[in-house]
Amino acid sequence: MRARIIQGILAGTALWAAPLFPADPGVVVAGNIRVLHGEAYLLRAGQRLPLAVGTPVQVRDVLHTGPDGSLGLILQDDTALSLGPSSELALKDFQYQPNEGLFANVLSMVKGTLVYISGRIAKLAPASVRVETPVGIVAVRGTKLLVKIDE
């Protein structure tokens, strides 16, 4: 009896942790949501989708956080991104294929706050990383970056 209860709890936990919206078939996942607080969603192909821990993020997805929202995202190359309240970030391009020499990490920060911590792309191909903002483009050459854009 005890074993069945534990199995039930584990099965329920596995379902809860599964992404609400898996990645589209044939599309490379750039990363996954790892931390989520408050209101947050993503826009994908014109659809507004709720986020959960584990949700895959794809190229061309646009992440939004509400006034009480924040999220943490880890990309496939171990780049860490953190968005604060009332933020909007588009993942314009992402490629991490070191065996083929293909690297790209292009983010467009529209509003809000972003903390960026470099992953492997910035170390292997620093010219392939940039953060676009409404007032300019940041070429990431270091390991940490904080961007704040007021509306």
N, C-alpha and C. Protein backbone atom coordinates (compact mmCIF):
# COMPACT_ATOMS: atom_id res chain seq x y z
N MET A 1 0.82 -1.19 0.00
CA MET A 1 0.00 0.00 0.00
C MET A 1 0.87 1.26 0.00
N ARG A 2 1.86 1.28 0.86
CA ARG A 2 2.76 2.43 0.97
C ARG A 2 3.48 2.68 -0.36
N ALA A 3 3.92 1.61 -1.03
CA ALA A 3 4.61 1.73 -2.32
C ALA A 3 3.70 2.34 -3.37
N ARG A 4 2.41 2.00 -3.36
CA ARG A 4 1.47 2.56 -4.33
C ARG A 4 1.25 4.06 -4.09
N ILE A 5 1.21 4.46 -2.86
CA ILE A 5 1.05 5.88 -2.54
C ILE A 5 2.26 6.66 -3.05
N ILE A 6 3.43 6.13 -2.79
CA ILE A 6 4.66 6.79 -3.25
C ILE A 6 4.68 6.85 -4.77
N GLN A 7 4.31 5.76 -5.45
CA GLN A 7 4.26 5.76 -6.91
C GLN A 7 3.28 6.81 -7.42
N GLY A 8 2.13 6.94 -6.76
CA GLY A 8 1.15 7.93 -7.15
C GLY A 8 1.67 9.35 -7.00
N ILE A 9 2.36 9.60 -5.92
CA ILE A 9 2.94 10.93 -5.70
C ILE A 9 3.98 11.23 -6.76
N LEU A 10 4.85 10.27 -7.05
CA LEU A 10 5.88 10.47 -8.08
C LEU A 10 5.26 10.68 -9.45
N ALA A 11 4.24 9.92 -9.78
CA ALA A 11 3.57 10.09 -11.08
C ALA A 11 2.92 11.46 -11.17
N GLY A 12 2.28 11.90 -10.10
CA GLY A 12 1.67 13.23 -10.09
C GLY A 12 2.69 14.33 -10.21
N THR A 13 3.83 14.16 -9.55
CA THR A 13 4.91 15.14 -9.63
C THR A 13 5.46 15.20 -11.04
N ALA A 14 5.62 14.07 -11.70
CA ALA A 14 6.14 14.04 -13.07
C ALA A 14 5.19 14.78 -14.01
N LEU A 15 3.89 14.60 -13.83
CA LEU A 15 2.93 15.31 -14.68
C LEU A 15 2.96 16.80 -14.41
N TRP A 16 3.07 17.19 -13.16
CA TRP A 16 3.10 18.61 -12.82
C TRP A 16 4.33 19.30 -13.40
N ALA A 17 5.46 18.60 -13.41
CA ALA A 17 6.71 19.20 -13.89
C ALA A 17 6.80 19.21 -15.41
N ALA A 18 5.93 18.47 -16.10
CA ALA A 18 6.00 18.41 -17.57
C ALA A 18 5.58 19.75 -18.14
N PRO A 19 6.20 20.16 -19.26
CA PRO A 19 5.83 21.43 -19.86
C PRO A 19 4.38 21.43 -20.34
N LEU A 20 3.71 22.57 -20.21
CA LEU A 20 2.34 22.68 -20.68
C LEU A 20 2.28 22.61 -22.20
N PHE A 21 3.25 23.21 -22.86
CA PHE A 21 3.29 23.25 -24.30
C PHE A 21 4.66 22.78 -24.76
N PRO A 22 4.77 21.52 -25.19
CA PRO A 22 6.07 21.06 -25.64
C PRO A 22 6.51 21.82 -26.89
N ALA A 23 7.78 21.71 -27.22
CA ALA A 23 8.31 22.39 -28.39
C ALA A 23 7.62 21.88 -29.65
N ASP A 24 7.51 22.75 -30.64
CA ASP A 24 6.95 22.33 -31.92
C ASP A 24 7.84 21.25 -32.54
N PRO A 25 7.24 20.26 -33.19
CA PRO A 25 8.04 19.20 -33.81
C PRO A 25 8.99 19.79 -34.85
N GLY A 26 10.20 19.28 -34.88
CA GLY A 26 11.18 19.72 -35.87
C GLY A 26 11.86 21.03 -35.54
N VAL A 27 11.54 21.65 -34.41
CA VAL A 27 12.15 22.91 -34.02
C VAL A 27 13.12 22.65 -32.88
N VAL A 28 14.29 23.23 -32.98
CA VAL A 28 15.30 23.05 -31.94
C VAL A 28 14.94 23.90 -30.73
N VAL A 29 14.97 23.30 -29.59
CA VAL A 29 14.71 24.01 -28.34
C VAL A 29 15.97 24.77 -27.95
N ALA A 30 15.85 26.07 -27.71
CA ALA A 30 17.00 26.88 -27.32
C ALA A 30 17.29 26.75 -25.83
N GLY A 31 16.25 26.54 -25.04
CA GLY A 31 16.44 26.44 -23.60
C GLY A 31 15.13 26.10 -22.92
N ASN A 32 15.14 26.16 -21.59
CA ASN A 32 13.96 25.82 -20.80
C ASN A 32 13.81 26.78 -19.63
N ILE A 33 12.55 27.04 -19.28
CA ILE A 33 12.26 27.85 -18.10
C ILE A 33 12.66 27.04 -16.87
N ARG A 34 13.45 27.64 -15.99
CA ARG A 34 13.91 26.95 -14.78
C ARG A 34 13.30 27.52 -13.51
N VAL A 35 12.97 28.82 -13.52
CA VAL A 35 12.40 29.48 -12.34
C VAL A 35 11.27 30.37 -12.84
N LEU A 36 10.17 30.39 -12.08
CA LEU A 36 9.03 31.19 -12.50
C LEU A 36 8.28 31.68 -11.27
N HIS A 37 8.02 32.99 -11.23
CA HIS A 37 7.24 33.60 -10.14
C HIS A 37 6.26 34.58 -10.75
N GLY A 38 5.04 34.57 -10.25
CA GLY A 38 4.05 35.54 -10.71
C GLY A 38 3.61 35.28 -12.14
N GLU A 39 3.07 36.34 -12.76
CA GLU A 39 2.53 36.24 -14.11
C GLU A 39 3.66 36.26 -15.15
N ALA A 40 3.60 35.30 -16.08
CA ALA A 40 4.54 35.25 -17.20
C ALA A 40 3.93 34.39 -18.30
N TYR A 41 4.24 34.74 -19.52
CA TYR A 41 3.76 33.96 -20.66
C TYR A 41 4.72 34.16 -21.82
N LEU A 42 4.51 33.36 -22.88
CA LEU A 42 5.30 33.57 -24.09
C LEU A 42 4.39 33.68 -25.28
N LEU A 43 4.85 34.40 -26.29
CA LEU A 43 4.16 34.47 -27.57
C LEU A 43 4.94 33.60 -28.54
N ARG A 44 4.22 32.66 -29.16
CA ARG A 44 4.82 31.77 -30.15
C ARG A 44 3.86 31.67 -31.32
N ALA A 45 4.32 32.11 -32.47
CA ALA A 45 3.51 32.04 -33.69
C ALA A 45 2.13 32.66 -33.48
N GLY A 46 2.10 33.82 -32.81
CA GLY A 46 0.86 34.54 -32.60
C GLY A 46 -0.02 34.02 -31.48
N GLN A 47 0.41 32.96 -30.79
CA GLN A 47 -0.37 32.42 -29.68
C GLN A 47 0.26 32.80 -28.36
N ARG A 48 -0.59 33.17 -27.41
CA ARG A 48 -0.14 33.47 -26.05
C ARG A 48 -0.21 32.18 -25.24
N LEU A 49 0.92 31.72 -24.73
CA LEU A 49 0.99 30.46 -24.02
C LEU A 49 1.49 30.69 -22.59
N PRO A 50 0.82 30.09 -21.61
CA PRO A 50 1.29 30.23 -20.23
C PRO A 50 2.62 29.50 -20.06
N LEU A 51 3.40 29.95 -19.11
CA LEU A 51 4.68 29.31 -18.82
C LEU A 51 4.59 28.48 -17.56
N ALA A 52 5.45 27.48 -17.49
CA ALA A 52 5.63 26.67 -16.30
C ALA A 52 7.10 26.29 -16.25
N VAL A 53 7.57 25.90 -15.09
CA VAL A 53 8.94 25.40 -15.00
C VAL A 53 9.05 24.21 -15.94
N GLY A 54 10.07 24.22 -16.79
CA GLY A 54 10.27 23.14 -17.76
C GLY A 54 9.80 23.48 -19.16
N THR A 55 9.04 24.57 -19.33
CA THR A 55 8.55 24.94 -20.66
C THR A 55 9.74 25.17 -21.60
N PRO A 56 9.75 24.51 -22.77
CA PRO A 56 10.82 24.77 -23.73
C PRO A 56 10.63 26.12 -24.41
N VAL A 57 11.74 26.79 -24.68
CA VAL A 57 11.73 28.08 -25.37
C VAL A 57 12.45 27.90 -26.69
N GLN A 58 11.83 28.41 -27.75
CA GLN A 58 12.35 28.26 -29.11
C GLN A 58 12.76 29.60 -29.68
N VAL A 59 13.53 29.55 -30.76
CA VAL A 59 13.88 30.76 -31.49
C VAL A 59 12.59 31.41 -31.96
N ARG A 60 12.53 32.73 -31.87
CA ARG A 60 11.40 33.58 -32.23
C ARG A 60 10.33 33.64 -31.15
N ASP A 61 10.50 32.93 -30.03
CA ASP A 61 9.57 33.09 -28.91
C ASP A 61 9.83 34.45 -28.27
N VAL A 62 8.77 35.06 -27.75
CA VAL A 62 8.87 36.32 -27.02
C VAL A 62 8.35 36.08 -25.61
N LEU A 63 9.21 36.30 -24.63
CA LEU A 63 8.87 36.10 -23.22
C LEU A 63 8.37 37.40 -22.61
N HIS A 64 7.30 37.30 -21.82
CA HIS A 64 6.73 38.45 -21.13
C HIS A 64 6.56 38.12 -19.66
N THR A 65 6.84 39.10 -18.81
CA THR A 65 6.52 38.96 -17.39
C THR A 65 5.56 40.09 -17.01
N GLY A 66 4.65 39.78 -16.10
CA GLY A 66 3.71 40.78 -15.61
C GLY A 66 4.33 41.64 -14.54
N PRO A 67 3.55 42.56 -13.98
CA PRO A 67 4.06 43.47 -12.96
C PRO A 67 4.60 42.76 -11.72
N ASP A 68 4.10 41.55 -11.45
CA ASP A 68 4.58 40.77 -10.31
C ASP A 68 5.39 39.56 -10.77
N GLY A 69 5.77 39.51 -12.05
CA GLY A 69 6.40 38.32 -12.60
C GLY A 69 7.90 38.40 -12.71
N SER A 70 8.52 37.24 -12.69
CA SER A 70 9.95 37.10 -12.98
C SER A 70 10.17 35.67 -13.42
N LEU A 71 11.26 35.46 -14.16
CA LEU A 71 11.55 34.11 -14.62
C LEU A 71 13.04 33.94 -14.84
N GLY A 72 13.47 32.70 -14.81
CA GLY A 72 14.84 32.32 -15.11
C GLY A 72 14.83 31.30 -16.22
N LEU A 73 15.74 31.47 -17.16
CA LEU A 73 15.82 30.63 -18.34
C LEU A 73 17.27 30.19 -18.53
N ILE A 74 17.48 28.92 -18.80
CA ILE A 74 18.82 28.42 -19.11
C ILE A 74 18.80 27.95 -20.56
N LEU A 75 19.72 28.48 -21.37
CA LEU A 75 19.83 28.08 -22.77
C LEU A 75 20.72 26.84 -22.89
N GLN A 76 20.69 26.21 -24.04
CA GLN A 76 21.41 24.95 -24.26
C GLN A 76 22.91 25.07 -24.04
N ASP A 77 23.47 26.26 -24.20
CA ASP A 77 24.91 26.45 -24.00
C ASP A 77 25.24 26.89 -22.58
N ASP A 78 24.27 26.80 -21.68
CA ASP A 78 24.38 27.19 -20.28
C ASP A 78 24.37 28.70 -20.05
N THR A 79 23.94 29.48 -21.04
CA THR A 79 23.68 30.89 -20.82
C THR A 79 22.50 30.99 -19.86
N ALA A 80 22.62 31.86 -18.85
CA ALA A 80 21.54 32.06 -17.88
C ALA A 80 20.93 33.44 -18.11
N LEU A 81 19.60 33.48 -18.20
CA LEU A 81 18.87 34.72 -18.38
C LEU A 81 17.85 34.85 -17.27
N SER A 82 17.71 36.06 -16.74
CA SER A 82 16.72 36.31 -15.71
C SER A 82 15.97 37.58 -16.08
N LEU A 83 14.64 37.48 -16.13
CA LEU A 83 13.80 38.64 -16.43
C LEU A 83 13.08 39.09 -15.18
N GLY A 84 13.06 40.40 -14.96
CA GLY A 84 12.34 40.97 -13.84
C GLY A 84 10.91 41.32 -14.23
N PRO A 85 10.20 42.01 -13.34
CA PRO A 85 8.81 42.38 -13.60
C PRO A 85 8.65 43.26 -14.83
N SER A 86 7.49 43.12 -15.48
CA SER A 86 7.11 43.95 -16.64
C SER A 86 8.18 43.97 -17.72
N SER A 87 8.69 42.80 -18.06
CA SER A 87 9.76 42.69 -19.05
C SER A 87 9.28 41.99 -20.31
N GLU A 88 9.98 42.28 -21.42
CA GLU A 88 9.71 41.62 -22.69
C GLU A 88 11.04 41.34 -23.38
N LEU A 89 11.26 40.08 -23.73
CA LEU A 89 12.50 39.64 -24.36
C LEU A 89 12.18 38.69 -25.49
N ALA A 90 12.74 38.95 -26.67
CA ALA A 90 12.58 38.06 -27.82
C ALA A 90 13.88 37.31 -28.07
N LEU A 91 13.76 36.01 -28.29
CA LEU A 91 14.90 35.20 -28.67
C LEU A 91 14.94 35.17 -30.20
N LYS A 92 15.73 36.08 -30.78
CA LYS A 92 15.74 36.26 -32.23
C LYS A 92 16.50 35.16 -32.96
N ASP A 93 17.61 34.71 -32.38
CA ASP A 93 18.40 33.65 -33.02
C ASP A 93 19.16 32.89 -31.96
N PHE A 94 19.26 31.60 -32.14
CA PHE A 94 20.06 30.77 -31.24
C PHE A 94 20.51 29.53 -32.00
N GLN A 95 21.81 29.34 -32.04
CA GLN A 95 22.40 28.13 -32.61
C GLN A 95 23.56 27.73 -31.73
N TYR A 96 23.56 26.48 -31.33
CA TYR A 96 24.68 25.96 -30.56
C TYR A 96 25.00 24.56 -31.09
N GLN A 97 25.85 24.56 -32.11
CA GLN A 97 26.30 23.32 -32.72
C GLN A 97 27.83 23.38 -32.83
N PRO A 98 28.51 23.16 -31.70
CA PRO A 98 29.97 23.33 -31.69
C PRO A 98 30.70 22.40 -32.65
N ASN A 99 30.21 21.21 -32.89
CA ASN A 99 30.89 20.29 -33.82
C ASN A 99 30.87 20.81 -35.25
N GLU A 100 29.85 21.61 -35.58
CA GLU A 100 29.74 22.19 -36.92
C GLU A 100 30.25 23.63 -36.96
N GLY A 101 30.63 24.17 -35.82
CA GLY A 101 31.11 25.56 -35.76
C GLY A 101 30.00 26.58 -35.93
N LEU A 102 28.77 26.22 -35.58
CA LEU A 102 27.63 27.13 -35.72
C LEU A 102 27.23 27.68 -34.35
N PHE A 103 27.30 29.01 -34.22
CA PHE A 103 27.00 29.66 -32.95
C PHE A 103 26.20 30.93 -33.21
N ALA A 104 25.18 31.15 -32.42
CA ALA A 104 24.43 32.41 -32.46
C ALA A 104 23.62 32.52 -31.18
N ASN A 105 23.60 33.71 -30.62
CA ASN A 105 22.74 34.01 -29.48
C ASN A 105 22.38 35.49 -29.60
N VAL A 106 21.22 35.76 -30.20
CA VAL A 106 20.78 37.13 -30.43
C VAL A 106 19.46 37.33 -29.69
N LEU A 107 19.49 38.25 -28.74
CA LEU A 107 18.33 38.57 -27.93
C LEU A 107 17.89 39.99 -28.22
N SER A 108 16.59 40.24 -28.15
CA SER A 108 16.07 41.59 -28.30
C SER A 108 15.29 41.94 -27.04
N MET A 109 15.86 42.84 -26.26
CA MET A 109 15.24 43.27 -25.01
C MET A 109 14.41 44.51 -25.30
N VAL A 110 13.10 44.41 -25.17
CA VAL A 110 12.19 45.50 -25.51
C VAL A 110 11.95 46.41 -24.32
N LYS A 111 11.71 45.81 -23.14
CA LYS A 111 11.47 46.61 -21.94
C LYS A 111 11.74 45.75 -20.71
N GLY A 112 11.90 46.42 -19.57
CA GLY A 112 12.09 45.73 -18.32
C GLY A 112 13.54 45.53 -17.95
N THR A 113 13.80 44.46 -17.18
CA THR A 113 15.16 44.17 -16.73
C THR A 113 15.58 42.77 -17.14
N LEU A 114 16.85 42.67 -17.49
CA LEU A 114 17.46 41.40 -17.90
C LEU A 114 18.81 41.28 -17.23
N VAL A 115 19.04 40.13 -16.61
CA VAL A 115 20.38 39.78 -16.16
C VAL A 115 20.83 38.64 -17.07
N TYR A 116 22.01 38.81 -17.65
CA TYR A 116 22.56 37.86 -18.60
C TYR A 116 23.89 37.35 -18.04
N ILE A 117 24.06 36.03 -18.00
CA ILE A 117 25.34 35.42 -17.62
C ILE A 117 25.75 34.51 -18.75
N SER A 118 26.91 34.78 -19.31
CA SER A 118 27.39 34.09 -20.50
C SER A 118 27.50 32.58 -20.33
N GLY A 119 27.21 31.91 -21.42
CA GLY A 119 27.41 30.47 -21.52
C GLY A 119 28.57 30.18 -22.46
N ARG A 120 28.54 29.01 -23.05
CA ARG A 120 29.65 28.56 -23.89
C ARG A 120 29.78 29.33 -25.21
N ILE A 121 28.67 29.79 -25.77
CA ILE A 121 28.76 30.53 -27.05
C ILE A 121 29.64 31.76 -26.88
N ALA A 122 29.46 32.50 -25.80
CA ALA A 122 30.26 33.71 -25.57
C ALA A 122 31.74 33.40 -25.44
N LYS A 123 32.07 32.21 -24.96
CA LYS A 123 33.48 31.83 -24.82
C LYS A 123 34.06 31.34 -26.15
N LEU A 124 33.27 30.58 -26.91
CA LEU A 124 33.75 29.98 -28.16
C LEU A 124 33.67 30.93 -29.35
N ALA A 125 32.65 31.77 -29.38
CA ALA A 125 32.45 32.68 -30.52
C ALA A 125 31.81 33.98 -30.02
N PRO A 126 32.59 34.82 -29.32
CA PRO A 126 32.02 36.02 -28.70
C PRO A 126 31.31 36.96 -29.68
N ALA A 127 31.74 37.00 -30.92
CA ALA A 127 31.10 37.88 -31.90
C ALA A 127 29.70 37.40 -32.27
N SER A 128 29.33 36.20 -31.86
CA SER A 128 28.02 35.63 -32.17
C SER A 128 26.95 35.99 -31.15
N VAL A 129 27.33 36.73 -30.11
CA VAL A 129 26.40 37.06 -29.03
C VAL A 129 26.13 38.55 -29.03
N ARG A 130 24.83 38.89 -28.99
CA ARG A 130 24.48 40.31 -28.85
C ARG A 130 23.09 40.44 -28.25
N VAL A 131 22.91 41.56 -27.56
CA VAL A 131 21.62 41.91 -26.98
C VAL A 131 21.20 43.22 -27.61
N GLU A 132 20.10 43.19 -28.34
CA GLU A 132 19.58 44.38 -28.98
C GLU A 132 18.60 45.07 -28.03
N THR A 133 18.66 46.40 -28.00
CA THR A 133 17.74 47.19 -27.18
C THR A 133 17.15 48.29 -28.07
N PRO A 134 16.14 48.99 -27.61
CA PRO A 134 15.58 50.07 -28.43
C PRO A 134 16.56 51.20 -28.72
N VAL A 135 17.62 51.32 -27.92
CA VAL A 135 18.57 52.43 -28.12
C VAL A 135 19.94 51.99 -28.60
N GLY A 136 20.17 50.71 -28.77
CA GLY A 136 21.47 50.27 -29.25
C GLY A 136 21.63 48.76 -29.12
N ILE A 137 22.80 48.30 -29.53
CA ILE A 137 23.12 46.87 -29.49
C ILE A 137 24.31 46.68 -28.56
N VAL A 138 24.20 45.71 -27.67
CA VAL A 138 25.28 45.38 -26.75
C VAL A 138 25.98 44.14 -27.29
N ALA A 139 27.26 44.25 -27.55
CA ALA A 139 28.05 43.09 -27.93
C ALA A 139 28.61 42.50 -26.63
N VAL A 140 28.22 41.29 -26.33
CA VAL A 140 28.60 40.69 -25.05
C VAL A 140 29.99 40.07 -25.18
N ARG A 141 30.93 40.59 -24.40
CA ARG A 141 32.29 40.06 -24.42
C ARG A 141 32.70 39.56 -23.04
N GLY A 142 31.93 39.92 -22.03
CA GLY A 142 32.23 39.50 -20.67
C GLY A 142 31.35 38.36 -20.25
N THR A 143 31.21 38.22 -18.96
CA THR A 143 30.41 37.10 -18.49
C THR A 143 29.07 37.52 -17.91
N LYS A 144 28.94 38.79 -17.48
CA LYS A 144 27.70 39.24 -16.88
C LYS A 144 27.27 40.57 -17.46
N LEU A 145 25.94 40.73 -17.54
CA LEU A 145 25.38 41.95 -18.10
C LEU A 145 24.04 42.20 -17.43
N LEU A 146 23.78 43.45 -17.10
CA LEU A 146 22.49 43.86 -16.59
C LEU A 146 21.95 44.93 -17.52
N VAL A 147 20.72 44.73 -18.00
CA VAL A 147 20.06 45.69 -18.89
C VAL A 147 18.76 46.11 -18.23
N LYS A 148 18.52 47.43 -18.17
CA LYS A 148 17.24 47.94 -17.69
C LYS A 148 16.73 48.94 -18.70
N ILE A 149 15.52 48.67 -19.19
CA ILE A 149 14.91 49.55 -20.18
C ILE A 149 13.59 50.03 -19.63
N ASP A 150 13.47 51.33 -19.43
CA ASP A 150 12.24 51.92 -18.96
C ASP A 150 11.32 52.14 -20.15
N GLU A 151 10.03 52.06 -19.89
CA GLU A 151 9.05 52.26 -20.96
C GLU A 151 8.97 53.70 -21.36
